[in-house]
Amino acid sequence: MRTFNRLTLGIGILCAASALAGCNSMSAQECLATDWRTVGYEDGVNGYSGDRIGRYRNACSEHGVTPDLNQYQAGRADGLREFCTPANGFRIGSHGSSYSGVCPADLDESFVDAYQSGRQLYVLRSRVGSTQNEIYSMRSELERIDKDLVSVAAQIVDPSLTAEQRAQLVVDTKHLAERKGEIKARIPQLEGELVGYQRELDDYRATLSYIE
């Protein structure tokens, strides 16, 4: 995959090609000096939709400058042909990014196929990660419950407690013990699910045509 940081033609172009929503103004000199074909190219290689030209038009309208739409569109078309490669589609899908259908018809099918392949990898990988996180969270909760049970046991023998306070501690102990039992039953289930999810992920990876 090629690196797309080629835009070095001045502040105006950098502003116009920026994905930052806060880039809403350009000076008259920047609007006049901007190479709109280069701006279009940069938007193309980043997979941006063509309606971004509207932002530039609004930014320059107060100076009486109109972006060169033909040059912008020609540059963007060139850029899209670099963006719309199967390898890039796979990369975008595997990172969980969205695709807004910007590729030309002759490149769209192969791009989308690769994108969907990468997207499936993202889904399977995310499922493994979320299950691992859930197991970790439950183990951490189990440790906190054990500490709480020790603390409650120490408090419950305090002779200064009222009967009501001691009764509440007994109830707290019961709830903690119940939750501990739920967690201890759930963790092995999750571990079994994780083994299956990891196997499915590994099997899917073995079928991929692209390198992650």
N, C-alpha and C. Protein backbone atom coordinates (compact mmCIF):
# COMPACT_ATOMS: atom_id res chain seq x y z
N MET A 1 0.83 -1.19 0.00
CA MET A 1 0.00 0.00 0.00
C MET A 1 0.87 1.24 0.00
N ARG A 2 0.61 2.20 -0.92
CA ARG A 2 1.43 3.38 -1.01
C ARG A 2 1.02 4.38 0.05
N THR A 3 1.97 5.22 0.45
CA THR A 3 1.69 6.27 1.42
C THR A 3 1.16 7.48 0.69
N PHE A 4 0.10 8.11 1.24
CA PHE A 4 -0.60 9.14 0.51
C PHE A 4 -0.31 10.54 1.03
N ASN A 5 0.81 10.75 1.73
CA ASN A 5 1.13 12.07 2.25
C ASN A 5 1.99 12.83 1.26
N ARG A 6 1.45 13.10 0.07
CA ARG A 6 2.23 13.75 -0.98
C ARG A 6 1.97 15.25 -1.06
N LEU A 7 1.01 15.74 -0.35
CA LEU A 7 0.55 17.11 -0.55
C LEU A 7 1.45 18.08 0.19
N THR A 8 2.31 18.76 -0.54
CA THR A 8 3.27 19.67 0.08
C THR A 8 3.28 21.00 -0.64
N LEU A 9 2.12 21.43 -1.13
CA LEU A 9 2.07 22.62 -1.98
C LEU A 9 1.57 23.85 -1.25
N GLY A 10 1.77 23.92 0.06
CA GLY A 10 1.42 25.15 0.78
C GLY A 10 0.24 24.97 1.70
N ILE A 11 0.05 25.96 2.55
CA ILE A 11 -0.97 25.90 3.58
C ILE A 11 -2.36 25.75 2.98
N GLY A 12 -2.61 26.43 1.87
CA GLY A 12 -3.94 26.35 1.27
C GLY A 12 -4.31 24.95 0.87
N ILE A 13 -3.38 24.23 0.23
CA ILE A 13 -3.66 22.87 -0.20
C ILE A 13 -3.78 21.95 1.01
N LEU A 14 -2.91 22.14 1.99
CA LEU A 14 -2.98 21.32 3.17
C LEU A 14 -4.33 21.49 3.86
N CYS A 15 -4.81 22.71 3.91
CA CYS A 15 -6.11 22.96 4.52
C CYS A 15 -7.21 22.30 3.72
N ALA A 16 -7.15 22.45 2.41
CA ALA A 16 -8.21 21.91 1.57
C ALA A 16 -8.24 20.41 1.60
N ALA A 17 -7.10 19.76 1.68
CA ALA A 17 -7.06 18.31 1.64
C ALA A 17 -7.25 17.69 3.01
N SER A 18 -7.27 18.50 4.05
CA SER A 18 -7.36 17.98 5.41
C SER A 18 -8.69 17.33 5.68
N ALA A 19 -8.67 16.24 6.47
CA ALA A 19 -9.92 15.59 6.86
C ALA A 19 -10.50 16.24 8.10
N LEU A 20 -9.82 17.24 8.66
CA LEU A 20 -10.29 17.86 9.89
C LEU A 20 -11.50 18.73 9.62
N ALA A 21 -12.54 18.52 10.40
CA ALA A 21 -13.77 19.28 10.18
C ALA A 21 -13.58 20.76 10.50
N GLY A 22 -12.56 21.07 11.30
CA GLY A 22 -12.36 22.46 11.69
C GLY A 22 -11.72 23.32 10.63
N CYS A 23 -11.32 22.73 9.51
CA CYS A 23 -10.65 23.50 8.46
C CYS A 23 -11.72 24.14 7.57
N ASN A 24 -12.27 25.28 7.99
CA ASN A 24 -13.41 25.87 7.30
C ASN A 24 -13.09 27.17 6.59
N SER A 25 -11.86 27.69 6.69
CA SER A 25 -11.56 28.97 6.07
C SER A 25 -10.22 28.91 5.35
N MET A 26 -10.14 29.65 4.26
CA MET A 26 -8.91 29.78 3.49
C MET A 26 -8.80 31.24 3.09
N SER A 27 -7.57 31.73 3.02
CA SER A 27 -7.37 33.11 2.60
C SER A 27 -7.56 33.22 1.09
N ALA A 28 -7.71 34.45 0.62
CA ALA A 28 -7.86 34.66 -0.81
C ALA A 28 -6.65 34.14 -1.56
N GLN A 29 -5.45 34.36 -1.01
CA GLN A 29 -4.23 33.90 -1.66
C GLN A 29 -4.19 32.37 -1.73
N GLU A 30 -4.62 31.73 -0.64
CA GLU A 30 -4.64 30.27 -0.61
C GLU A 30 -5.62 29.73 -1.65
N CYS A 31 -6.78 30.35 -1.74
CA CYS A 31 -7.78 29.90 -2.71
C CYS A 31 -7.26 30.06 -4.14
N LEU A 32 -6.58 31.16 -4.39
CA LEU A 32 -6.07 31.41 -5.74
C LEU A 32 -4.89 30.51 -6.08
N ALA A 33 -4.07 30.18 -5.08
CA ALA A 33 -2.85 29.42 -5.34
C ALA A 33 -3.05 27.91 -5.32
N THR A 34 -4.19 27.46 -4.82
CA THR A 34 -4.41 26.03 -4.66
C THR A 34 -4.46 25.30 -6.00
N ASP A 35 -3.77 24.19 -6.06
CA ASP A 35 -3.81 23.30 -7.22
C ASP A 35 -4.97 22.34 -7.00
N TRP A 36 -6.10 22.62 -7.61
CA TRP A 36 -7.31 21.85 -7.33
C TRP A 36 -7.23 20.42 -7.83
N ARG A 37 -6.42 20.17 -8.83
CA ARG A 37 -6.24 18.79 -9.28
C ARG A 37 -5.53 17.99 -8.19
N THR A 38 -4.54 18.60 -7.55
CA THR A 38 -3.82 17.92 -6.48
C THR A 38 -4.73 17.68 -5.28
N VAL A 39 -5.55 18.67 -4.98
CA VAL A 39 -6.51 18.51 -3.88
C VAL A 39 -7.45 17.35 -4.18
N GLY A 40 -7.97 17.31 -5.41
CA GLY A 40 -8.85 16.21 -5.79
C GLY A 40 -8.16 14.87 -5.71
N TYR A 41 -6.89 14.84 -6.13
CA TYR A 41 -6.12 13.60 -6.07
C TYR A 41 -5.99 13.12 -4.63
N GLU A 42 -5.64 14.03 -3.74
CA GLU A 42 -5.49 13.65 -2.33
C GLU A 42 -6.81 13.16 -1.74
N ASP A 43 -7.90 13.82 -2.10
CA ASP A 43 -9.20 13.35 -1.62
C ASP A 43 -9.50 11.97 -2.19
N GLY A 44 -9.11 11.73 -3.42
CA GLY A 44 -9.35 10.43 -4.04
C GLY A 44 -8.57 9.32 -3.37
N VAL A 45 -7.29 9.53 -3.14
CA VAL A 45 -6.48 8.46 -2.55
C VAL A 45 -6.85 8.21 -1.10
N ASN A 46 -7.57 9.14 -0.49
CA ASN A 46 -8.07 8.92 0.87
C ASN A 46 -9.51 8.43 0.89
N GLY A 47 -10.09 8.22 -0.30
CA GLY A 47 -11.43 7.65 -0.38
C GLY A 47 -12.54 8.59 0.02
N TYR A 48 -12.30 9.90 -0.08
CA TYR A 48 -13.33 10.86 0.29
C TYR A 48 -14.35 11.01 -0.84
N SER A 49 -15.57 11.33 -0.46
CA SER A 49 -16.62 11.52 -1.46
C SER A 49 -16.42 12.85 -2.18
N GLY A 50 -17.00 12.96 -3.37
CA GLY A 50 -16.81 14.15 -4.19
C GLY A 50 -17.47 15.38 -3.64
N ASP A 51 -18.38 15.23 -2.66
CA ASP A 51 -19.05 16.42 -2.15
C ASP A 51 -18.15 17.28 -1.27
N ARG A 52 -16.92 16.81 -1.03
CA ARG A 52 -15.98 17.65 -0.27
C ARG A 52 -15.65 18.94 -1.01
N ILE A 53 -15.80 18.94 -2.32
CA ILE A 53 -15.54 20.16 -3.08
C ILE A 53 -16.45 21.29 -2.59
N GLY A 54 -17.61 20.92 -2.04
CA GLY A 54 -18.52 21.94 -1.50
C GLY A 54 -17.91 22.70 -0.34
N ARG A 55 -17.11 22.03 0.47
CA ARG A 55 -16.43 22.70 1.59
C ARG A 55 -15.45 23.75 1.07
N TYR A 56 -14.70 23.34 0.06
CA TYR A 56 -13.71 24.26 -0.50
C TYR A 56 -14.40 25.44 -1.18
N ARG A 57 -15.52 25.14 -1.85
CA ARG A 57 -16.27 26.20 -2.52
C ARG A 57 -16.77 27.23 -1.50
N ASN A 58 -17.30 26.72 -0.37
CA ASN A 58 -17.79 27.62 0.67
C ASN A 58 -16.66 28.44 1.28
N ALA A 59 -15.50 27.79 1.48
CA ALA A 59 -14.37 28.48 2.11
C ALA A 59 -13.83 29.59 1.22
N CYS A 60 -13.91 29.40 -0.09
CA CYS A 60 -13.34 30.38 -1.02
C CYS A 60 -14.36 31.38 -1.56
N SER A 61 -15.65 31.11 -1.34
CA SER A 61 -16.67 31.98 -1.93
C SER A 61 -16.61 33.39 -1.39
N GLU A 62 -16.22 33.55 -0.12
CA GLU A 62 -16.15 34.90 0.46
C GLU A 62 -15.05 35.73 -0.18
N HIS A 63 -14.14 35.09 -0.89
CA HIS A 63 -13.07 35.82 -1.58
C HIS A 63 -13.36 35.95 -3.08
N GLY A 64 -14.54 35.47 -3.46
CA GLY A 64 -14.90 35.55 -4.87
C GLY A 64 -14.15 34.58 -5.75
N VAL A 65 -13.64 33.50 -5.13
CA VAL A 65 -12.87 32.50 -5.86
C VAL A 65 -13.69 31.21 -5.93
N THR A 66 -13.74 30.61 -7.10
CA THR A 66 -14.45 29.34 -7.28
C THR A 66 -13.44 28.25 -7.61
N PRO A 67 -13.44 27.17 -6.84
CA PRO A 67 -12.53 26.06 -7.15
C PRO A 67 -12.77 25.53 -8.56
N ASP A 68 -11.71 25.05 -9.18
CA ASP A 68 -11.81 24.49 -10.52
C ASP A 68 -12.37 23.07 -10.41
N LEU A 69 -13.67 22.94 -10.65
CA LEU A 69 -14.34 21.65 -10.46
C LEU A 69 -13.79 20.59 -11.40
N ASN A 70 -13.54 20.95 -12.64
CA ASN A 70 -13.04 19.97 -13.60
C ASN A 70 -11.68 19.42 -13.17
N GLN A 71 -10.79 20.32 -12.74
CA GLN A 71 -9.48 19.88 -12.28
C GLN A 71 -9.60 19.02 -11.02
N TYR A 72 -10.47 19.42 -10.11
CA TYR A 72 -10.68 18.65 -8.88
C TYR A 72 -11.18 17.25 -9.21
N GLN A 73 -12.18 17.17 -10.06
CA GLN A 73 -12.75 15.87 -10.39
C GLN A 73 -11.75 14.98 -11.13
N ALA A 74 -10.94 15.58 -12.01
CA ALA A 74 -9.94 14.80 -12.72
C ALA A 74 -8.90 14.25 -11.75
N GLY A 75 -8.46 15.08 -10.81
CA GLY A 75 -7.50 14.62 -9.81
C GLY A 75 -8.08 13.55 -8.91
N ARG A 76 -9.33 13.76 -8.50
CA ARG A 76 -9.97 12.78 -7.62
C ARG A 76 -10.13 11.44 -8.33
N ALA A 77 -10.47 11.48 -9.61
CA ALA A 77 -10.61 10.23 -10.37
C ALA A 77 -9.29 9.46 -10.40
N ASP A 78 -8.17 10.19 -10.58
CA ASP A 78 -6.86 9.53 -10.55
C ASP A 78 -6.58 8.96 -9.17
N GLY A 79 -6.90 9.73 -8.14
CA GLY A 79 -6.65 9.27 -6.77
C GLY A 79 -7.47 8.05 -6.41
N LEU A 80 -8.71 8.02 -6.86
CA LEU A 80 -9.57 6.88 -6.55
C LEU A 80 -9.04 5.59 -7.15
N ARG A 81 -8.36 5.67 -8.26
CA ARG A 81 -7.84 4.46 -8.87
C ARG A 81 -6.70 3.88 -8.02
N GLU A 82 -6.08 4.70 -7.21
CA GLU A 82 -5.08 4.19 -6.26
C GLU A 82 -5.76 3.70 -4.98
N PHE A 83 -6.82 4.39 -4.59
CA PHE A 83 -7.54 3.98 -3.37
C PHE A 83 -8.27 2.66 -3.57
N CYS A 84 -8.88 2.48 -4.74
CA CYS A 84 -9.81 1.37 -4.97
C CYS A 84 -9.10 0.09 -5.40
N THR A 85 -8.07 -0.30 -4.68
CA THR A 85 -7.40 -1.56 -4.95
C THR A 85 -7.91 -2.62 -3.98
N PRO A 86 -7.91 -3.88 -4.37
CA PRO A 86 -8.36 -4.92 -3.44
C PRO A 86 -7.56 -4.92 -2.13
N ALA A 87 -6.25 -4.73 -2.22
CA ALA A 87 -5.44 -4.75 -1.00
C ALA A 87 -5.87 -3.65 -0.04
N ASN A 88 -6.18 -2.48 -0.58
CA ASN A 88 -6.63 -1.39 0.27
C ASN A 88 -8.02 -1.66 0.82
N GLY A 89 -8.88 -2.26 -0.01
CA GLY A 89 -10.20 -2.62 0.47
C GLY A 89 -10.13 -3.58 1.64
N PHE A 90 -9.24 -4.56 1.54
CA PHE A 90 -9.06 -5.50 2.64
C PHE A 90 -8.55 -4.79 3.89
N ARG A 91 -7.59 -3.90 3.70
CA ARG A 91 -7.02 -3.17 4.84
C ARG A 91 -8.09 -2.35 5.55
N ILE A 92 -8.89 -1.65 4.78
CA ILE A 92 -9.93 -0.81 5.37
C ILE A 92 -10.96 -1.66 6.11
N GLY A 93 -11.38 -2.76 5.48
CA GLY A 93 -12.34 -3.64 6.14
C GLY A 93 -11.80 -4.26 7.40
N SER A 94 -10.53 -4.67 7.39
CA SER A 94 -9.94 -5.34 8.55
C SER A 94 -9.73 -4.40 9.72
N HIS A 95 -9.78 -3.09 9.46
CA HIS A 95 -9.69 -2.11 10.55
C HIS A 95 -11.06 -1.63 11.01
N GLY A 96 -12.10 -2.21 10.43
CA GLY A 96 -13.45 -1.86 10.86
C GLY A 96 -13.96 -0.54 10.32
N SER A 97 -13.27 0.01 9.32
CA SER A 97 -13.69 1.28 8.74
C SER A 97 -14.83 1.04 7.76
N SER A 98 -15.59 2.10 7.50
CA SER A 98 -16.73 1.99 6.59
C SER A 98 -16.30 2.30 5.16
N TYR A 99 -17.11 1.87 4.23
CA TYR A 99 -16.88 2.17 2.82
C TYR A 99 -18.13 2.83 2.26
N SER A 100 -17.97 3.98 1.65
CA SER A 100 -19.13 4.78 1.23
C SER A 100 -19.44 4.65 -0.26
N GLY A 101 -18.88 3.64 -0.92
CA GLY A 101 -19.23 3.39 -2.32
C GLY A 101 -18.65 4.40 -3.30
N VAL A 102 -17.42 4.84 -3.05
CA VAL A 102 -16.83 5.88 -3.91
C VAL A 102 -16.11 5.32 -5.13
N CYS A 103 -15.86 4.03 -5.18
CA CYS A 103 -15.04 3.49 -6.27
C CYS A 103 -15.80 3.47 -7.59
N PRO A 104 -15.09 3.70 -8.69
CA PRO A 104 -15.73 3.62 -10.01
C PRO A 104 -16.19 2.19 -10.29
N ALA A 105 -17.14 2.07 -11.22
CA ALA A 105 -17.79 0.78 -11.46
C ALA A 105 -16.82 -0.33 -11.80
N ASP A 106 -15.77 -0.02 -12.57
CA ASP A 106 -14.86 -1.08 -13.00
C ASP A 106 -13.95 -1.58 -11.88
N LEU A 107 -13.89 -0.84 -10.77
CA LEU A 107 -13.05 -1.25 -9.65
C LEU A 107 -13.86 -1.64 -8.42
N ASP A 108 -15.12 -1.31 -8.42
CA ASP A 108 -15.92 -1.45 -7.20
C ASP A 108 -16.08 -2.90 -6.76
N GLU A 109 -16.35 -3.80 -7.70
CA GLU A 109 -16.63 -5.18 -7.31
C GLU A 109 -15.44 -5.84 -6.62
N SER A 110 -14.26 -5.71 -7.21
CA SER A 110 -13.08 -6.33 -6.60
C SER A 110 -12.73 -5.65 -5.28
N PHE A 111 -12.94 -4.33 -5.21
CA PHE A 111 -12.68 -3.61 -3.96
C PHE A 111 -13.62 -4.10 -2.87
N VAL A 112 -14.91 -4.18 -3.19
CA VAL A 112 -15.91 -4.57 -2.19
C VAL A 112 -15.70 -6.01 -1.73
N ASP A 113 -15.36 -6.91 -2.65
CA ASP A 113 -15.09 -8.30 -2.26
C ASP A 113 -13.96 -8.36 -1.23
N ALA A 114 -12.88 -7.63 -1.50
CA ALA A 114 -11.75 -7.62 -0.57
C ALA A 114 -12.13 -6.92 0.72
N TYR A 115 -12.91 -5.86 0.61
CA TYR A 115 -13.36 -5.13 1.80
C TYR A 115 -14.18 -6.05 2.71
N GLN A 116 -15.09 -6.79 2.13
CA GLN A 116 -15.93 -7.69 2.91
C GLN A 116 -15.10 -8.79 3.56
N SER A 117 -14.07 -9.24 2.86
CA SER A 117 -13.17 -10.24 3.43
C SER A 117 -12.46 -9.67 4.65
N GLY A 118 -11.97 -8.45 4.52
CA GLY A 118 -11.32 -7.80 5.64
C GLY A 118 -12.29 -7.50 6.77
N ARG A 119 -13.51 -7.14 6.41
CA ARG A 119 -14.53 -6.84 7.43
C ARG A 119 -14.86 -8.08 8.24
N GLN A 120 -14.93 -9.25 7.57
CA GLN A 120 -15.19 -10.49 8.30
C GLN A 120 -14.05 -10.79 9.26
N LEU A 121 -12.83 -10.53 8.84
CA LEU A 121 -11.69 -10.70 9.75
C LEU A 121 -11.84 -9.80 10.96
N TYR A 122 -12.24 -8.57 10.72
CA TYR A 122 -12.44 -7.60 11.82
C TYR A 122 -13.50 -8.12 12.80
N VAL A 123 -14.61 -8.65 12.28
CA VAL A 123 -15.69 -9.14 13.13
C VAL A 123 -15.21 -10.31 13.98
N LEU A 124 -14.51 -11.27 13.35
CA LEU A 124 -14.04 -12.44 14.08
C LEU A 124 -12.99 -12.05 15.12
N ARG A 125 -12.11 -11.14 14.74
CA ARG A 125 -11.07 -10.69 15.67
C ARG A 125 -11.68 -9.92 16.83
N SER A 126 -12.70 -9.12 16.55
CA SER A 126 -13.36 -8.35 17.60
C SER A 126 -14.08 -9.27 18.59
N ARG A 127 -14.66 -10.34 18.07
CA ARG A 127 -15.36 -11.28 18.95
C ARG A 127 -14.38 -11.96 19.90
N VAL A 128 -13.21 -12.32 19.39
CA VAL A 128 -12.18 -12.90 20.26
C VAL A 128 -11.76 -11.88 21.32
N GLY A 129 -11.52 -10.65 20.88
CA GLY A 129 -11.08 -9.62 21.81
C GLY A 129 -12.10 -9.30 22.88
N SER A 130 -13.38 -9.21 22.49
CA SER A 130 -14.41 -8.88 23.47
C SER A 130 -14.61 -10.01 24.48
N THR A 131 -14.46 -11.25 24.02
CA THR A 131 -14.59 -12.38 24.94
C THR A 131 -13.41 -12.40 25.91
N GLN A 132 -12.23 -12.14 25.42
CA GLN A 132 -11.06 -12.06 26.30
C GLN A 132 -11.25 -10.96 27.34
N ASN A 133 -11.77 -9.83 26.92
CA ASN A 133 -12.00 -8.72 27.84
C ASN A 133 -13.04 -9.08 28.89
N GLU A 134 -14.08 -9.80 28.47
CA GLU A 134 -15.11 -10.20 29.42
C GLU A 134 -14.56 -11.15 30.47
N ILE A 135 -13.72 -12.08 30.03
CA ILE A 135 -13.10 -13.01 30.99
C ILE A 135 -12.22 -12.25 31.97
N TYR A 136 -11.43 -11.33 31.43
CA TYR A 136 -10.55 -10.53 32.30
C TYR A 136 -11.37 -9.72 33.31
N SER A 137 -12.46 -9.13 32.83
CA SER A 137 -13.31 -8.33 33.71
C SER A 137 -13.93 -9.17 34.81
N MET A 138 -14.37 -10.37 34.48
CA MET A 138 -14.98 -11.24 35.48
C MET A 138 -13.95 -11.73 36.49
N ARG A 139 -12.76 -12.01 36.03
CA ARG A 139 -11.72 -12.43 36.98
C ARG A 139 -11.37 -11.29 37.93
N SER A 140 -11.34 -10.08 37.41
CA SER A 140 -11.08 -8.92 38.27
C SER A 140 -12.20 -8.73 39.28
N GLU A 141 -13.44 -8.93 38.81
CA GLU A 141 -14.58 -8.80 39.73
C GLU A 141 -14.52 -9.89 40.81
N LEU A 142 -14.09 -11.07 40.41
CA LEU A 142 -13.97 -12.16 41.38
C LEU A 142 -12.97 -11.80 42.47
N GLU A 143 -11.87 -11.18 42.08
CA GLU A 143 -10.87 -10.76 43.08
C GLU A 143 -11.45 -9.71 44.01
N ARG A 144 -12.24 -8.77 43.46
CA ARG A 144 -12.84 -7.73 44.30
C ARG A 144 -13.84 -8.33 45.28
N ILE A 145 -14.61 -9.33 44.80
CA ILE A 145 -15.59 -9.98 45.67
C ILE A 145 -14.89 -10.69 46.83
N ASP A 146 -13.80 -11.38 46.54
CA ASP A 146 -13.06 -12.07 47.60
C ASP A 146 -12.56 -11.07 48.65
N LYS A 147 -12.08 -9.93 48.19
CA LYS A 147 -11.63 -8.90 49.13
C LYS A 147 -12.80 -8.35 49.95
N ASP A 148 -13.93 -8.16 49.27
CA ASP A 148 -15.12 -7.66 49.98
C ASP A 148 -15.62 -8.66 51.01
N LEU A 149 -15.56 -9.95 50.68
CA LEU A 149 -16.01 -10.97 51.62
C LEU A 149 -15.13 -10.98 52.87
N VAL A 150 -13.83 -10.82 52.67
CA VAL A 150 -12.91 -10.76 53.81
C VAL A 150 -13.23 -9.54 54.66
N SER A 151 -13.48 -8.40 53.99
CA SER A 151 -13.79 -7.17 54.71
C SER A 151 -15.09 -7.30 55.50
N VAL A 152 -16.12 -7.87 54.88
CA VAL A 152 -17.41 -8.03 55.56
C VAL A 152 -17.29 -8.99 56.73
N ALA A 153 -16.51 -10.05 56.56
CA ALA A 153 -16.31 -11.01 57.64
C ALA A 153 -15.66 -10.35 58.85
N ALA A 154 -14.73 -9.42 58.57
CA ALA A 154 -14.07 -8.71 59.67
C ALA A 154 -15.04 -7.76 60.36
N GLN A 155 -15.92 -7.14 59.59
CA GLN A 155 -16.86 -6.18 60.17
C GLN A 155 -17.96 -6.86 60.98
N ILE A 156 -18.39 -8.03 60.52
CA ILE A 156 -19.57 -8.66 61.11
C ILE A 156 -19.37 -9.09 62.56
N VAL A 157 -18.09 -9.26 62.94
CA VAL A 157 -17.79 -9.67 64.33
C VAL A 157 -17.55 -8.47 65.23
N ASP A 158 -17.69 -7.28 64.69
CA ASP A 158 -17.48 -6.07 65.50
C ASP A 158 -18.59 -5.97 66.54
N PRO A 159 -18.24 -6.00 67.82
CA PRO A 159 -19.26 -5.97 68.88
C PRO A 159 -20.04 -4.66 68.96
N SER A 160 -19.51 -3.62 68.33
CA SER A 160 -20.19 -2.33 68.41
C SER A 160 -21.34 -2.22 67.40
N LEU A 161 -21.49 -3.18 66.52
CA LEU A 161 -22.53 -3.12 65.51
C LEU A 161 -23.91 -3.33 66.14
N THR A 162 -24.88 -2.67 65.54
CA THR A 162 -26.26 -2.91 65.95
C THR A 162 -26.74 -4.19 65.26
N ALA A 163 -27.86 -4.70 65.72
CA ALA A 163 -28.43 -5.91 65.12
C ALA A 163 -28.79 -5.66 63.66
N GLU A 164 -29.29 -4.47 63.37
CA GLU A 164 -29.66 -4.14 62.00
C GLU A 164 -28.43 -4.10 61.08
N GLN A 165 -27.35 -3.53 61.60
CA GLN A 165 -26.12 -3.45 60.80
C GLN A 165 -25.55 -4.83 60.54
N ARG A 166 -25.60 -5.66 61.57
CA ARG A 166 -25.07 -7.01 61.39
C ARG A 166 -25.95 -7.80 60.41
N ALA A 167 -27.25 -7.61 60.48
CA ALA A 167 -28.16 -8.29 59.56
C ALA A 167 -27.90 -7.85 58.12
N GLN A 168 -27.62 -6.55 57.94
CA GLN A 168 -27.32 -6.07 56.59
C GLN A 168 -26.03 -6.67 56.06
N LEU A 169 -25.04 -6.82 56.90
CA LEU A 169 -23.79 -7.43 56.48
C LEU A 169 -24.00 -8.89 56.07
N VAL A 170 -24.90 -9.57 56.79
CA VAL A 170 -25.22 -10.96 56.43
C VAL A 170 -25.85 -11.01 55.04
N VAL A 171 -26.76 -10.05 54.78
CA VAL A 171 -27.38 -9.98 53.46
C VAL A 171 -26.34 -9.67 52.39
N ASP A 172 -25.43 -8.74 52.69
CA ASP A 172 -24.37 -8.39 51.75
C ASP A 172 -23.50 -9.61 51.42
N THR A 173 -23.20 -10.39 52.47
CA THR A 173 -22.39 -11.59 52.28
C THR A 173 -23.10 -12.58 51.36
N LYS A 174 -24.40 -12.70 51.55
CA LYS A 174 -25.19 -13.62 50.72
C LYS A 174 -25.14 -13.18 49.25
N HIS A 175 -25.34 -11.88 49.02
CA HIS A 175 -25.33 -11.38 47.65
C HIS A 175 -23.95 -11.55 46.99
N LEU A 176 -22.91 -11.27 47.75
CA LEU A 176 -21.57 -11.42 47.22
C LEU A 176 -21.28 -12.88 46.87
N ALA A 177 -21.70 -13.78 47.74
CA ALA A 177 -21.47 -15.21 47.51
C ALA A 177 -22.24 -15.68 46.26
N GLU A 178 -23.46 -15.16 46.10
CA GLU A 178 -24.25 -15.54 44.92
C GLU A 178 -23.58 -15.05 43.64
N ARG A 179 -23.12 -13.82 43.67
CA ARG A 179 -22.46 -13.26 42.49
C ARG A 179 -21.17 -14.01 42.20
N LYS A 180 -20.44 -14.39 43.23
CA LYS A 180 -19.21 -15.15 43.05
C LYS A 180 -19.52 -16.48 42.37
N GLY A 181 -20.62 -17.12 42.79
CA GLY A 181 -21.00 -18.38 42.18
C GLY A 181 -21.35 -18.22 40.71
N GLU A 182 -22.05 -17.13 40.39
CA GLU A 182 -22.40 -16.86 38.99
C GLU A 182 -21.15 -16.68 38.13
N ILE A 183 -20.20 -15.93 38.65
CA ILE A 183 -18.98 -15.66 37.90
C ILE A 183 -18.16 -16.94 37.71
N LYS A 184 -18.05 -17.73 38.77
CA LYS A 184 -17.26 -18.96 38.68
C LYS A 184 -17.89 -19.95 37.70
N ALA A 185 -19.20 -19.87 37.53
CA ALA A 185 -19.85 -20.73 36.55
C ALA A 185 -19.70 -20.17 35.13
N ARG A 186 -19.70 -18.87 35.03
CA ARG A 186 -19.66 -18.23 33.71
C ARG A 186 -18.28 -18.25 33.08
N ILE A 187 -17.23 -18.10 33.86
CA ILE A 187 -15.87 -18.03 33.30
C ILE A 187 -15.51 -19.26 32.47
N PRO A 188 -15.76 -20.49 32.96
CA PRO A 188 -15.45 -21.65 32.11
C PRO A 188 -16.26 -21.66 30.81
N GLN A 189 -17.50 -21.18 30.87
CA GLN A 189 -18.29 -21.09 29.65
C GLN A 189 -17.64 -20.16 28.64
N LEU A 190 -17.22 -19.00 29.13
CA LEU A 190 -16.57 -18.03 28.26
C LEU A 190 -15.25 -18.56 27.71
N GLU A 191 -14.51 -19.27 28.55
CA GLU A 191 -13.24 -19.83 28.09
C GLU A 191 -13.47 -20.86 26.98
N GLY A 192 -14.55 -21.64 27.12
CA GLY A 192 -14.88 -22.59 26.06
C GLY A 192 -15.29 -21.88 24.77
N GLU A 193 -16.08 -20.81 24.91
CA GLU A 193 -16.47 -20.03 23.75
C GLU A 193 -15.25 -19.40 23.08
N LEU A 194 -14.32 -18.92 23.89
CA LEU A 194 -13.12 -18.29 23.37
C LEU A 194 -12.30 -19.26 22.53
N VAL A 195 -12.20 -20.49 22.98
CA VAL A 195 -11.46 -21.50 22.21
C VAL A 195 -12.09 -21.67 20.83
N GLY A 196 -13.42 -21.72 20.80
CA GLY A 196 -14.11 -21.87 19.52
C GLY A 196 -13.95 -20.65 18.64
N TYR A 197 -14.06 -19.46 19.23
CA TYR A 197 -13.91 -18.22 18.47
C TYR A 197 -12.51 -18.09 17.90
N GLN A 198 -11.50 -18.47 18.71
CA GLN A 198 -10.12 -18.38 18.26
C GLN A 198 -9.85 -19.36 17.13
N ARG A 199 -10.43 -20.53 17.24
CA ARG A 199 -10.26 -21.53 16.18
C ARG A 199 -10.90 -21.04 14.88
N GLU A 200 -12.09 -20.45 14.99
CA GLU A 200 -12.76 -19.93 13.80
C GLU A 200 -11.95 -18.81 13.17
N LEU A 201 -11.37 -17.95 14.01
CA LEU A 201 -10.53 -16.87 13.51
C LEU A 201 -9.29 -17.42 12.81
N ASP A 202 -8.64 -18.39 13.43
CA ASP A 202 -7.44 -18.98 12.83
C ASP A 202 -7.77 -19.66 11.50
N ASP A 203 -8.89 -20.37 11.45
CA ASP A 203 -9.28 -21.04 10.22
C ASP A 203 -9.56 -20.02 9.12
N TYR A 204 -10.21 -18.93 9.49
CA TYR A 204 -10.51 -17.91 8.48
C TYR A 204 -9.24 -17.24 7.98
N ARG A 205 -8.33 -16.96 8.88
CA ARG A 205 -7.05 -16.35 8.49
C ARG A 205 -6.33 -17.23 7.47
N ALA A 206 -6.44 -18.53 7.64
CA ALA A 206 -5.73 -19.45 6.74
C ALA A 206 -6.28 -19.40 5.33
N THR A 207 -7.49 -18.86 5.15
CA THR A 207 -8.09 -18.79 3.81
C THR A 207 -7.81 -17.46 3.12
N LEU A 208 -7.22 -16.50 3.82
CA LEU A 208 -7.09 -15.16 3.27
C LEU A 208 -6.02 -15.08 2.19
N SER A 209 -6.33 -14.25 1.22
CA SER A 209 -5.37 -14.01 0.12
C SER A 209 -4.48 -12.82 0.42
N TYR A 210 -4.86 -12.03 1.43
CA TYR A 210 -4.13 -10.80 1.74
C TYR A 210 -3.41 -10.93 3.06
N ILE A 211 -2.33 -10.20 3.17
CA ILE A 211 -1.55 -10.19 4.42
C ILE A 211 -2.11 -9.10 5.31
N GLU A 212 -2.32 -9.44 6.58
CA GLU A 212 -2.86 -8.46 7.52
C GLU A 212 -1.86 -7.34 7.78
